[in-house]
Amino acid sequence: MRKKGQEEIVGFVLIVLIVSVILLVFLGIFLRKDVSKTANPEVSQFLDSMSAITTECSLNAGYSYENYQDLLKDCNEGKLCASGKACDILKNTTKSLIEASWNFSPDSPKKGYKFEVYFTAREETAKQPLINPPLSYISGCTSFIGDERVFPVSDGSITILLDLCLN
């Protein structure tokens, strides 16, 4: 009788362990989905490409030009390019890239956009906009697709966020 009771307890413990492992796997999957924003592939690829382009900002009188990612850092540091303020060049470059990539109108699939760039200092939650006001071409939009990129800098991070309006 004692041996049968031990077998039942061992079986019960095995069932509890199996159910626990299954629950942990499902919990891990659901938590991972909540933490990361589902990115739109079109916007994601655009942000990747935009981050690598060469801009009109030269810090050394035209001998070399900054890429977009370096321009973000230059804007955050308040640097001047040969052709003007880094933040002004960032704003103009971004606007021309977005508007050349999509046709925004009431009749097109993409009705408008909102683009934000902000700096977040290490150990803080406050966001400091680098382009103020944010670039936007929105009129009564309620449905968006988008993505963001975060670039580390020495004293925090710079985030770029692009949302496209669908309605």
Foldseek 3Di string as FASTA:
>chain_A
DVVVVVVVVVVVVVVVVVVVVVVVVVVVVVVVPVVDDDADVVQVVLVVVQQAAWFPFAQPQPPGTDRLVVLLVQLVVQHAGPVGTSLVRNQVVVVVSVCVVDPAPPPDQFPKKWKWKWWDFPPGDDTHTSDPPTDMDDDPADDWHWDKDWADDPGGIMMMIMITGRD
